[in-house]
Amino acid sequence: ILRAAATHHLPIEDVDRLLDAGSAIRRMVEQLIKATTMLK
C-alpha cells in the first residue's frame, strides 16, 4: 500500500483508509485469537 502511494497508484486518502482498515483487521484477529485461546 505504501509503495502504491509512493508511485502515485493510490490517492493519499485511499492509502489512509486502507492502512487504518489493515490495522483494524490485524487487531481484530489478535483479540479474537486471545479470546479463543483463553476460552479453550
PDB file of all heavy atoms in Angstrom:
ATOM      1  N   ILE A   1       0.847  -1.213   0.000  1.00  0.00           N
ATOM      2  CA  ILE A   1       0.000   0.000   0.000  1.00  0.00           C
ATOM      3  C   ILE A   1       0.875   1.253   0.000  1.00  0.00           C
ATOM      4  O   ILE A   1       0.617   2.213  -0.739  1.00  0.00           O
ATOM      5  CB  ILE A   1      -0.946  -0.017   1.215  1.00  0.00           C
ATOM      6  CG1 ILE A   1      -1.966  -1.148   1.068  1.00  0.00           C
ATOM      7  CG2 ILE A   1      -1.665   1.321   1.366  1.00  0.00           C
ATOM      8  CD1 ILE A   1      -2.762  -1.420   2.336  1.00  0.00           C
ATOM      9  N   LEU A   2       1.932   1.240   0.805  1.00  0.00           N
ATOM     10  CA  LEU A   2       2.823   2.402   0.877  1.00  0.00           C
ATOM     11  C   LEU A   2       3.566   2.594  -0.441  1.00  0.00           C
ATOM     12  O   LEU A   2       3.786   3.735  -0.895  1.00  0.00           O
ATOM     13  CB  LEU A   2       3.799   2.247   2.039  1.00  0.00           C
ATOM     14  CG  LEU A   2       3.153   2.325   3.442  1.00  0.00           C
ATOM     15  CD1 LEU A   2       4.167   1.955   4.515  1.00  0.00           C
ATOM     16  CD2 LEU A   2       2.594   3.726   3.690  1.00  0.00           C
ATOM     17  N   ARG A   3       3.985   1.497  -1.103  1.00  0.00           N
ATOM     18  CA  ARG A   3       4.652   1.618  -2.405  1.00  0.00           C
ATOM     19  C   ARG A   3       3.695   2.175  -3.452  1.00  0.00           C
ATOM     20  O   ARG A   3       4.087   3.000  -4.284  1.00  0.00           O
ATOM     21  CB  ARG A   3       5.178   0.251  -2.867  1.00  0.00           C
ATOM     22  CG  ARG A   3       6.491  -0.167  -2.215  1.00  0.00           C
ATOM     23  CD  ARG A   3       7.155  -1.310  -2.971  1.00  0.00           C
ATOM     24  NE  ARG A   3       6.307  -2.505  -3.001  1.00  0.00           N
ATOM     25  CZ  ARG A   3       6.332  -3.448  -2.060  1.00  0.00           C
ATOM     26  NH1 ARG A   3       7.151  -3.331  -1.007  1.00  0.00           N
ATOM     27  NH2 ARG A   3       5.553  -4.499  -2.145  1.00  0.00           N
ATOM     28  N   ALA A   4       2.439   1.725  -3.392  1.00  0.00           N
ATOM     29  CA  ALA A   4       1.449   2.235  -4.340  1.00  0.00           C
ATOM     30  C   ALA A   4       1.238   3.736  -4.147  1.00  0.00           C
ATOM     31  O   ALA A   4       1.030   4.478  -5.116  1.00  0.00           O
ATOM     32  CB  ALA A   4       0.127   1.492  -4.172  1.00  0.00           C
ATOM     33  N   ALA A   5       1.303   4.193  -2.892  1.00  0.00           N
ATOM     34  CA  ALA A   5       1.179   5.624  -2.641  1.00  0.00           C
ATOM     35  C   ALA A   5       2.382   6.382  -3.167  1.00  0.00           C
ATOM     36  O   ALA A   5       2.250   7.454  -3.774  1.00  0.00           O
ATOM     37  CB  ALA A   5       1.023   5.870  -1.143  1.00  0.00           C
ATOM     38  N   ALA A   6       3.580   5.798  -2.965  1.00  0.00           N
ATOM     39  CA  ALA A   6       4.801   6.470  -3.404  1.00  0.00           C
ATOM     40  C   ALA A   6       4.871   6.579  -4.918  1.00  0.00           C
ATOM     41  O   ALA A   6       5.440   7.538  -5.457  1.00  0.00           O
ATOM     42  CB  ALA A   6       6.017   5.718  -2.874  1.00  0.00           C
ATOM     43  N   THR A   7       4.320   5.596  -5.621  1.00  0.00           N
ATOM     44  CA  THR A   7       4.351   5.610  -7.099  1.00  0.00           C
ATOM     45  C   THR A   7       3.081   6.227  -7.691  1.00  0.00           C
ATOM     46  O   THR A   7       2.842   6.122  -8.892  1.00  0.00           O
ATOM     47  CB  THR A   7       4.503   4.175  -7.628  1.00  0.00           C
ATOM     48  OG1 THR A   7       3.447   3.358  -7.107  1.00  0.00           O
ATOM     49  CG2 THR A   7       5.854   3.586  -7.219  1.00  0.00           C
ATOM     50  N   HIS A   8       2.273   6.858  -6.827  1.00  0.00           N
ATOM     51  CA  HIS A   8       1.062   7.573  -7.243  1.00  0.00           C
ATOM     52  C   HIS A   8       0.011   6.667  -7.879  1.00  0.00           C
ATOM     53  O   HIS A   8      -0.811   7.115  -8.679  1.00  0.00           O
ATOM     54  CB  HIS A   8       1.412   8.717  -8.217  1.00  0.00           C
ATOM     55  CG  HIS A   8       2.433   9.666  -7.683  1.00  0.00           C
ATOM     56  ND1 HIS A   8       2.186  10.534  -6.632  1.00  0.00           N
ATOM     57  CD2 HIS A   8       3.752   9.849  -8.030  1.00  0.00           C
ATOM     58  CE1 HIS A   8       3.275  11.218  -6.373  1.00  0.00           C
ATOM     59  NE2 HIS A   8       4.244  10.826  -7.190  1.00  0.00           N
ATOM     60  N   HIS A   9       0.020   5.388  -7.502  1.00  0.00           N
ATOM     61  CA  HIS A   9      -1.031   4.486  -7.978  1.00  0.00           C
ATOM     62  C   HIS A   9      -2.265   4.531  -7.077  1.00  0.00           C
ATOM     63  O   HIS A   9      -3.325   4.022  -7.458  1.00  0.00           O
ATOM     64  CB  HIS A   9      -0.502   3.041  -8.049  1.00  0.00           C
ATOM     65  CG  HIS A   9       0.425   2.807  -9.190  1.00  0.00           C
ATOM     66  ND1 HIS A   9       1.802   2.836  -9.064  1.00  0.00           N
ATOM     67  CD2 HIS A   9       0.176   2.555 -10.499  1.00  0.00           C
ATOM     68  CE1 HIS A   9       2.375   2.600 -10.232  1.00  0.00           C
ATOM     69  NE2 HIS A   9       1.401   2.422 -11.131  1.00  0.00           N
ATOM     70  N   LEU A  10      -2.101   5.111  -5.892  1.00  0.00           N
ATOM     71  CA  LEU A  10      -3.228   5.238  -4.960  1.00  0.00           C
ATOM     72  C   LEU A  10      -3.279   6.663  -4.418  1.00  0.00           C
ATOM     73  O   LEU A  10      -2.241   7.222  -4.034  1.00  0.00           O
ATOM     74  CB  LEU A  10      -3.071   4.278  -3.777  1.00  0.00           C
ATOM     75  CG  LEU A  10      -3.439   2.805  -3.978  1.00  0.00           C
ATOM     76  CD1 LEU A  10      -3.157   2.035  -2.698  1.00  0.00           C
ATOM     77  CD2 LEU A  10      -4.895   2.647  -4.381  1.00  0.00           C
ATOM     78  N   PRO A  11      -4.463   7.291  -4.369  1.00  0.00           N
ATOM     79  CA  PRO A  11      -4.604   8.599  -3.730  1.00  0.00           C
ATOM     80  C   PRO A  11      -4.298   8.478  -2.244  1.00  0.00           C
ATOM     81  O   PRO A  11      -4.543   7.439  -1.627  1.00  0.00           O
ATOM     82  CB  PRO A  11      -6.076   8.972  -3.963  1.00  0.00           C
ATOM     83  CG  PRO A  11      -6.553   8.072  -5.050  1.00  0.00           C
ATOM     84  CD  PRO A  11      -5.733   6.827  -4.967  1.00  0.00           C
ATOM     85  N   ILE A  12      -3.814   9.559  -1.663  1.00  0.00           N
ATOM     86  CA  ILE A  12      -3.375   9.520  -0.280  1.00  0.00           C
ATOM     87  C   ILE A  12      -4.528   9.205   0.669  1.00  0.00           C
ATOM     88  O   ILE A  12      -4.370   8.520   1.680  1.00  0.00           O
ATOM     89  CB  ILE A  12      -2.679  10.843   0.125  1.00  0.00           C
ATOM     90  CG1 ILE A  12      -1.956  10.678   1.471  1.00  0.00           C
ATOM     91  CG2 ILE A  12      -3.673  11.994   0.152  1.00  0.00           C
ATOM     92  CD1 ILE A  12      -0.819   9.697   1.438  1.00  0.00           C
ATOM     93  N   GLU A  13      -5.777   9.704   0.318  1.00  0.00           N
ATOM     94  CA  GLU A  13      -6.919   9.424   1.210  1.00  0.00           C
ATOM     95  C   GLU A  13      -7.267   7.939   1.203  1.00  0.00           C
ATOM     96  O   GLU A  13      -7.663   7.376   2.232  1.00  0.00           O
ATOM     97  CB  GLU A  13      -8.140  10.267   0.826  1.00  0.00           C
ATOM     98  CG  GLU A  13      -8.629  10.101  -0.596  1.00  0.00           C
ATOM     99  CD  GLU A  13      -7.955  11.074  -1.556  1.00  0.00           C
ATOM    100  OE1 GLU A  13      -6.918  11.659  -1.178  1.00  0.00           O
ATOM    101  OE2 GLU A  13      -8.472  11.252  -2.672  1.00  0.00           O
ATOM    102  N   ASP A  14      -7.084   7.258   0.030  1.00  0.00           N
ATOM    103  CA  ASP A  14      -7.312   5.818  -0.026  1.00  0.00           C
ATOM    104  C   ASP A  14      -6.262   5.071   0.788  1.00  0.00           C
ATOM    105  O   ASP A  14      -6.558   4.062   1.443  1.00  0.00           O
ATOM    106  CB  ASP A  14      -7.291   5.319  -1.474  1.00  0.00           C
ATOM    107  CG  ASP A  14      -8.521   5.762  -2.252  1.00  0.00           C
ATOM    108  OD1 ASP A  14      -9.476   6.257  -1.611  1.00  0.00           O
ATOM    109  OD2 ASP A  14      -8.539   5.608  -3.486  1.00  0.00           O
ATOM    110  N   VAL A  15      -5.041   5.573   0.741  1.00  0.00           N
ATOM    111  CA  VAL A  15      -3.954   4.946   1.492  1.00  0.00           C
ATOM    112  C   VAL A  15      -4.254   4.984   2.994  1.00  0.00           C
ATOM    113  O   VAL A  15      -4.115   3.976   3.696  1.00  0.00           O
ATOM    114  CB  VAL A  15      -2.617   5.662   1.197  1.00  0.00           C
ATOM    115  CG1 VAL A  15      -1.522   5.161   2.140  1.00  0.00           C
ATOM    116  CG2 VAL A  15      -2.216   5.443  -0.251  1.00  0.00           C
ATOM    117  N   ASP A  16      -4.689   6.147   3.488  1.00  0.00           N
ATOM    118  CA  ASP A  16      -5.005   6.271   4.917  1.00  0.00           C
ATOM    119  C   ASP A  16      -6.111   5.301   5.317  1.00  0.00           C
ATOM    120  O   ASP A  16      -6.020   4.636   6.353  1.00  0.00           O
ATOM    121  CB  ASP A  16      -5.425   7.707   5.237  1.00  0.00           C
ATOM    122  CG  ASP A  16      -4.250   8.677   5.163  1.00  0.00           C
ATOM    123  OD1 ASP A  16      -3.098   8.212   5.246  1.00  0.00           O
ATOM    124  OD2 ASP A  16      -4.495   9.898   5.016  1.00  0.00           O
ATOM    125  N   ARG A  17      -7.154   5.222   4.500  1.00  0.00           N
ATOM    126  CA  ARG A  17      -8.263   4.329   4.829  1.00  0.00           C
ATOM    127  C   ARG A  17      -7.829   2.873   4.834  1.00  0.00           C
ATOM    128  O   ARG A  17      -8.199   2.095   5.708  1.00  0.00           O
ATOM    129  CB  ARG A  17      -9.416   4.523   3.830  1.00  0.00           C
ATOM    130  CG  ARG A  17     -10.287   5.738   4.105  1.00  0.00           C
ATOM    131  CD  ARG A  17     -11.642   5.593   3.431  1.00  0.00           C
ATOM    132  NE  ARG A  17     -11.521   5.373   2.005  1.00  0.00           N
ATOM    133  CZ  ARG A  17     -11.444   6.329   1.094  1.00  0.00           C
ATOM    134  NH1 ARG A  17     -11.465   7.595   1.477  1.00  0.00           N
ATOM    135  NH2 ARG A  17     -11.341   6.053  -0.192  1.00  0.00           N
ATOM    136  N   LEU A  18      -7.025   2.478   3.841  1.00  0.00           N
ATOM    137  CA  LEU A  18      -6.581   1.091   3.743  1.00  0.00           C
ATOM    138  C   LEU A  18      -5.651   0.719   4.887  1.00  0.00           C
ATOM    139  O   LEU A  18      -5.731  -0.388   5.442  1.00  0.00           O
ATOM    140  CB  LEU A  18      -5.901   0.856   2.397  1.00  0.00           C
ATOM    141  CG  LEU A  18      -6.836   0.838   1.175  1.00  0.00           C
ATOM    142  CD1 LEU A  18      -6.022   0.839  -0.112  1.00  0.00           C
ATOM    143  CD2 LEU A  18      -7.740  -0.391   1.229  1.00  0.00           C
ATOM    144  N   LEU A  19      -4.756   1.643   5.262  1.00  0.00           N
ATOM    145  CA  LEU A  19      -3.846   1.359   6.378  1.00  0.00           C
ATOM    146  C   LEU A  19      -4.612   1.224   7.693  1.00  0.00           C
ATOM    147  O   LEU A  19      -4.325   0.331   8.505  1.00  0.00           O
ATOM    148  CB  LEU A  19      -2.785   2.456   6.487  1.00  0.00           C
ATOM    149  CG  LEU A  19      -1.718   2.484   5.380  1.00  0.00           C
ATOM    150  CD1 LEU A  19      -0.807   3.694   5.546  1.00  0.00           C
ATOM    151  CD2 LEU A  19      -0.887   1.193   5.396  1.00  0.00           C
ATOM    152  N   ASP A  20      -5.590   2.124   7.897  1.00  0.00           N
ATOM    153  CA  ASP A  20      -6.397   2.044   9.118  1.00  0.00           C
ATOM    154  C   ASP A  20      -7.194   0.743   9.153  1.00  0.00           C
ATOM    155  O   ASP A  20      -7.288   0.076  10.190  1.00  0.00           O
ATOM    156  CB  ASP A  20      -7.352   3.233   9.204  1.00  0.00           C
ATOM    157  CG  ASP A  20      -6.623   4.536   9.511  1.00  0.00           C
ATOM    158  OD1 ASP A  20      -5.462   4.474   9.959  1.00  0.00           O
ATOM    159  OD2 ASP A  20      -7.218   5.609   9.294  1.00  0.00           O
ATOM    160  N   ALA A  21      -7.770   0.387   8.005  1.00  0.00           N
ATOM    161  CA  ALA A  21      -8.559  -0.848   7.949  1.00  0.00           C
ATOM    162  C   ALA A  21      -7.668  -2.072   8.130  1.00  0.00           C
ATOM    163  O   ALA A  21      -8.061  -3.058   8.763  1.00  0.00           O
ATOM    164  CB  ALA A  21      -9.308  -0.925   6.623  1.00  0.00           C
ATOM    165  N   GLY A  22      -6.440  -2.029   7.563  1.00  0.00           N
ATOM    166  CA  GLY A  22      -5.497  -3.131   7.754  1.00  0.00           C
ATOM    167  C   GLY A  22      -5.122  -3.301   9.210  1.00  0.00           C
ATOM    168  O   GLY A  22      -5.049  -4.431   9.723  1.00  0.00           O
ATOM    169  N   SER A  23      -4.891  -2.173   9.904  1.00  0.00           N
ATOM    170  CA  SER A  23      -4.590  -2.243  11.339  1.00  0.00           C
ATOM    171  C   SER A  23      -5.773  -2.814  12.106  1.00  0.00           C
ATOM    172  O   SER A  23      -5.595  -3.571  13.061  1.00  0.00           O
ATOM    173  CB  SER A  23      -4.255  -0.847  11.877  1.00  0.00           C
ATOM    174  OG  SER A  23      -3.082  -0.339  11.270  1.00  0.00           O
ATOM    175  N   ALA A  24      -6.991  -2.466  11.660  1.00  0.00           N
ATOM    176  CA  ALA A  24      -8.195  -2.959  12.332  1.00  0.00           C
ATOM    177  C   ALA A  24      -8.326  -4.471  12.175  1.00  0.00           C
ATOM    178  O   ALA A  24      -8.648  -5.172  13.134  1.00  0.00           O
ATOM    179  CB  ALA A  24      -9.434  -2.250  11.779  1.00  0.00           C
ATOM    180  N   ILE A  25      -8.071  -4.977  10.967  1.00  0.00           N
ATOM    181  CA  ILE A  25      -8.213  -6.416  10.760  1.00  0.00           C
ATOM    182  C   ILE A  25      -7.137  -7.174  11.546  1.00  0.00           C
ATOM    183  O   ILE A  25      -7.393  -8.256  12.094  1.00  0.00           O
ATOM    184  CB  ILE A  25      -8.165  -6.764   9.249  1.00  0.00           C
ATOM    185  CG1 ILE A  25      -8.760  -8.159   9.031  1.00  0.00           C
ATOM    186  CG2 ILE A  25      -6.765  -6.704   8.670  1.00  0.00           C
ATOM    187  CD1 ILE A  25      -8.984  -8.486   7.568  1.00  0.00           C
ATOM    188  N   ARG A  26      -5.942  -6.580  11.635  1.00  0.00           N
ATOM    189  CA  ARG A  26      -4.885  -7.215  12.433  1.00  0.00           C
ATOM    190  C   ARG A  26      -5.280  -7.261  13.908  1.00  0.00           C
ATOM    191  O   ARG A  26      -5.139  -8.287  14.572  1.00  0.00           O
ATOM    192  CB  ARG A  26      -3.590  -6.416  12.250  1.00  0.00           C
ATOM    193  CG  ARG A  26      -2.400  -6.966  13.018  1.00  0.00           C
ATOM    194  CD  ARG A  26      -1.316  -5.914  13.082  1.00  0.00           C
ATOM    195  NE  ARG A  26      -0.025  -6.439  13.471  1.00  0.00           N
ATOM    196  CZ  ARG A  26       1.006  -5.665  13.794  1.00  0.00           C
ATOM    197  NH1 ARG A  26       0.878  -4.344  13.751  1.00  0.00           N
ATOM    198  NH2 ARG A  26       2.165  -6.190  14.142  1.00  0.00           N
ATOM    199  N   ARG A  27      -5.783  -6.120  14.424  1.00  0.00           N
ATOM    200  CA  ARG A  27      -6.179  -6.059  15.823  1.00  0.00           C
ATOM    201  C   ARG A  27      -7.346  -7.007  16.098  1.00  0.00           C
ATOM    202  O   ARG A  27      -7.387  -7.672  17.140  1.00  0.00           O
ATOM    203  CB  ARG A  27      -6.583  -4.617  16.172  1.00  0.00           C
ATOM    204  CG  ARG A  27      -6.984  -4.398  17.618  1.00  0.00           C
ATOM    205  CD  ARG A  27      -5.813  -4.519  18.541  1.00  0.00           C
ATOM    206  NE  ARG A  27      -6.180  -4.191  19.919  1.00  0.00           N
ATOM    207  CZ  ARG A  27      -5.407  -4.411  20.970  1.00  0.00           C
ATOM    208  NH1 ARG A  27      -4.204  -4.960  20.821  1.00  0.00           N
ATOM    209  NH2 ARG A  27      -5.796  -4.081  22.176  1.00  0.00           N
ATOM    210  N   MET A  28      -8.289  -7.079  15.162  1.00  0.00           N
ATOM    211  CA  MET A  28      -9.431  -7.973  15.337  1.00  0.00           C
ATOM    212  C   MET A  28      -8.980  -9.422  15.452  1.00  0.00           C
ATOM    213  O   MET A  28      -9.427 -10.163  16.330  1.00  0.00           O
ATOM    214  CB  MET A  28     -10.402  -7.815  14.155  1.00  0.00           C
ATOM    215  CG  MET A  28     -11.689  -8.617  14.263  1.00  0.00           C
ATOM    216  SD  MET A  28     -11.554 -10.334  13.675  1.00  0.00           S
ATOM    217  CE  MET A  28     -11.313 -10.090  11.928  1.00  0.00           C
ATOM    218  N   VAL A  29      -8.073  -9.829  14.566  1.00  0.00           N
ATOM    219  CA  VAL A  29      -7.582 -11.205  14.593  1.00  0.00           C
ATOM    220  C   VAL A  29      -6.843 -11.478  15.895  1.00  0.00           C
ATOM    221  O   VAL A  29      -7.020 -12.523  16.530  1.00  0.00           O
ATOM    222  CB  VAL A  29      -6.682 -11.484  13.367  1.00  0.00           C
ATOM    223  CG1 VAL A  29      -5.941 -12.804  13.531  1.00  0.00           C
ATOM    224  CG2 VAL A  29      -7.518 -11.498  12.091  1.00  0.00           C
ATOM    225  N   GLU A  30      -6.002 -10.532  16.322  1.00  0.00           N
ATOM    226  CA  GLU A  30      -5.248 -10.706  17.574  1.00  0.00           C
ATOM    227  C   GLU A  30      -6.184 -10.887  18.767  1.00  0.00           C
ATOM    228  O   GLU A  30      -5.996 -11.794  19.595  1.00  0.00           O
ATOM    229  CB  GLU A  30      -4.344  -9.492  17.817  1.00  0.00           C
ATOM    230  CG  GLU A  30      -3.149  -9.407  16.879  1.00  0.00           C
ATOM    231  CD  GLU A  30      -2.343  -8.139  17.082  1.00  0.00           C
ATOM    232  OE1 GLU A  30      -2.836  -7.227  17.796  1.00  0.00           O
ATOM    233  OE2 GLU A  30      -1.231  -8.045  16.541  1.00  0.00           O
ATOM    234  N   GLN A  31      -7.199 -10.012  18.872  1.00  0.00           N
ATOM    235  CA  GLN A  31      -8.118 -10.089  20.007  1.00  0.00           C
ATOM    236  C   GLN A  31      -8.947 -11.365  19.972  1.00  0.00           C
ATOM    237  O   GLN A  31      -9.216 -11.972  21.012  1.00  0.00           O
ATOM    238  CB  GLN A  31      -9.040  -8.860  20.040  1.00  0.00           C
ATOM    239  CG  GLN A  31      -8.313  -7.526  20.207  1.00  0.00           C
ATOM    240  CD  GLN A  31      -7.452  -7.485  21.448  1.00  0.00           C
ATOM    241  OE1 GLN A  31      -6.287  -7.875  21.432  1.00  0.00           O
ATOM    242  NE2 GLN A  31      -8.037  -7.035  22.540  1.00  0.00           N
ATOM    243  N   LEU A  32      -9.343 -11.771  18.771  1.00  0.00           N
ATOM    244  CA  LEU A  32     -10.137 -12.993  18.647  1.00  0.00           C
ATOM    245  C   LEU A  32      -9.300 -14.222  19.022  1.00  0.00           C
ATOM    246  O   LEU A  32      -9.802 -15.143  19.680  1.00  0.00           O
ATOM    247  CB  LEU A  32     -10.682 -13.121  17.223  1.00  0.00           C
ATOM    248  CG  LEU A  32     -11.678 -14.260  16.969  1.00  0.00           C
ATOM    249  CD1 LEU A  32     -12.856 -14.181  17.922  1.00  0.00           C
ATOM    250  CD2 LEU A  32     -12.157 -14.226  15.523  1.00  0.00           C
ATOM    251  N   ILE A  33      -8.046 -14.230  18.620  1.00  0.00           N
ATOM    252  CA  ILE A  33      -7.171 -15.360  18.985  1.00  0.00           C
ATOM    253  C   ILE A  33      -6.951 -15.403  20.492  1.00  0.00           C
ATOM    254  O   ILE A  33      -6.987 -16.475  21.117  1.00  0.00           O
ATOM    255  CB  ILE A  33      -5.824 -15.258  18.237  1.00  0.00           C
ATOM    256  CG1 ILE A  33      -6.031 -15.523  16.743  1.00  0.00           C
ATOM    257  CG2 ILE A  33      -4.807 -16.248  18.810  1.00  0.00           C
ATOM    258  CD1 ILE A  33      -4.789 -15.299  15.894  1.00  0.00           C
ATOM    259  N   LYS A  34      -6.738 -14.236  21.116  1.00  0.00           N
ATOM    260  CA  LYS A  34      -6.573 -14.194  22.578  1.00  0.00           C
ATOM    261  C   LYS A  34      -7.812 -14.747  23.279  1.00  0.00           C
ATOM    262  O   LYS A  34      -7.708 -15.562  24.207  1.00  0.00           O
ATOM    263  CB  LYS A  34      -6.333 -12.751  23.035  1.00  0.00           C
ATOM    264  CG  LYS A  34      -4.977 -12.181  22.700  1.00  0.00           C
ATOM    265  CD  LYS A  34      -4.907 -10.745  23.196  1.00  0.00           C
ATOM    266  CE  LYS A  34      -3.612 -10.068  22.788  1.00  0.00           C
ATOM    267  NZ  LYS A  34      -3.579  -8.649  23.224  1.00  0.00           N
ATOM    268  N   ALA A  35      -8.974 -14.267  22.834  1.00  0.00           N
ATOM    269  CA  ALA A  35     -10.213 -14.723  23.460  1.00  0.00           C
ATOM    270  C   ALA A  35     -10.405 -16.221  23.267  1.00  0.00           C
ATOM    271  O   ALA A  35     -10.784 -16.940  24.195  1.00  0.00           O
ATOM    272  CB  ALA A  35     -11.408 -13.959  22.873  1.00  0.00           C
ATOM    273  N   THR A  36     -10.119 -16.716  22.049  1.00  0.00           N
ATOM    274  CA  THR A  36     -10.307 -18.134  21.747  1.00  0.00           C
ATOM    275  C   THR A  36      -9.360 -18.990  22.583  1.00  0.00           C
ATOM    276  O   THR A  36      -9.752 -20.032  23.129  1.00  0.00           O
ATOM    277  CB  THR A  36     -10.071 -18.401  20.259  1.00  0.00           C
ATOM    278  OG1 THR A  36     -10.926 -17.551  19.491  1.00  0.00           O
ATOM    279  CG2 THR A  36     -10.358 -19.843  19.906  1.00  0.00           C
ATOM    280  N   THR A  37      -8.103 -18.553  22.682  1.00  0.00           N
ATOM    281  CA  THR A  37      -7.110 -19.309  23.450  1.00  0.00           C
ATOM    282  C   THR A  37      -7.526 -19.427  24.913  1.00  0.00           C
ATOM    283  O   THR A  37      -7.484 -20.512  25.509  1.00  0.00           O
ATOM    284  CB  THR A  37      -5.734 -18.634  23.339  1.00  0.00           C
ATOM    285  OG1 THR A  37      -5.360 -18.539  21.957  1.00  0.00           O
ATOM    286  CG2 THR A  37      -4.681 -19.424  24.091  1.00  0.00           C
ATOM    287  N   MET A  38      -7.925 -18.293  25.502  1.00  0.00           N
ATOM    288  CA  MET A  38      -8.336 -18.313  26.903  1.00  0.00           C
ATOM    289  C   MET A  38      -9.614 -19.141  27.092  1.00  0.00           C
ATOM    290  O   MET A  38      -9.758 -19.874  28.064  1.00  0.00           O
ATOM    291  CB  MET A  38      -8.576 -16.888  27.402  1.00  0.00           C
ATOM    292  CG  MET A  38      -7.311 -16.056  27.552  1.00  0.00           C
ATOM    293  SD  MET A  38      -7.632 -14.453  28.316  1.00  0.00           S
ATOM    294  CE  MET A  38      -8.034 -14.968  29.995  1.00  0.00           C
ATOM    295  N   LEU A  39     -10.522 -19.033  26.137  1.00  0.00           N
ATOM    296  CA  LEU A  39     -11.790 -19.758  26.236  1.00  0.00           C
ATOM    297  C   LEU A  39     -11.563 -21.262  26.136  1.00  0.00           C
ATOM    298  O   LEU A  39     -12.120 -22.050  26.903  1.00  0.00           O
ATOM    299  CB  LEU A  39     -12.735 -19.279  25.137  1.00  0.00           C
ATOM    300  CG  LEU A  39     -14.234 -19.566  25.300  1.00  0.00           C
ATOM    301  CD1 LEU A  39     -14.773 -18.974  26.592  1.00  0.00           C
ATOM    302  CD2 LEU A  39     -15.002 -18.997  24.109  1.00  0.00           C
ATOM    303  N   LYS A  40     -10.718 -21.668  25.189  1.00  0.00           N
ATOM    304  CA  LYS A  40     -10.432 -23.097  25.038  1.00  0.00           C
ATOM    305  C   LYS A  40      -9.654 -23.624  26.234  1.00  0.00           C
ATOM    306  O   LYS A  40      -9.873 -24.761  26.683  1.00  0.00           O
ATOM    307  CB  LYS A  40      -9.649 -23.336  23.739  1.00  0.00           C
ATOM    308  CG  LYS A  40     -10.502 -23.177  22.477  1.00  0.00           C
ATOM    309  CD  LYS A  40      -9.685 -23.454  21.233  1.00  0.00           C
ATOM    310  CE  LYS A  40     -10.524 -23.295  19.964  1.00  0.00           C
ATOM    311  NZ  LYS A  40     -11.569 -24.326  19.854  1.00  0.00           N
TER     312      LYS A  40
END
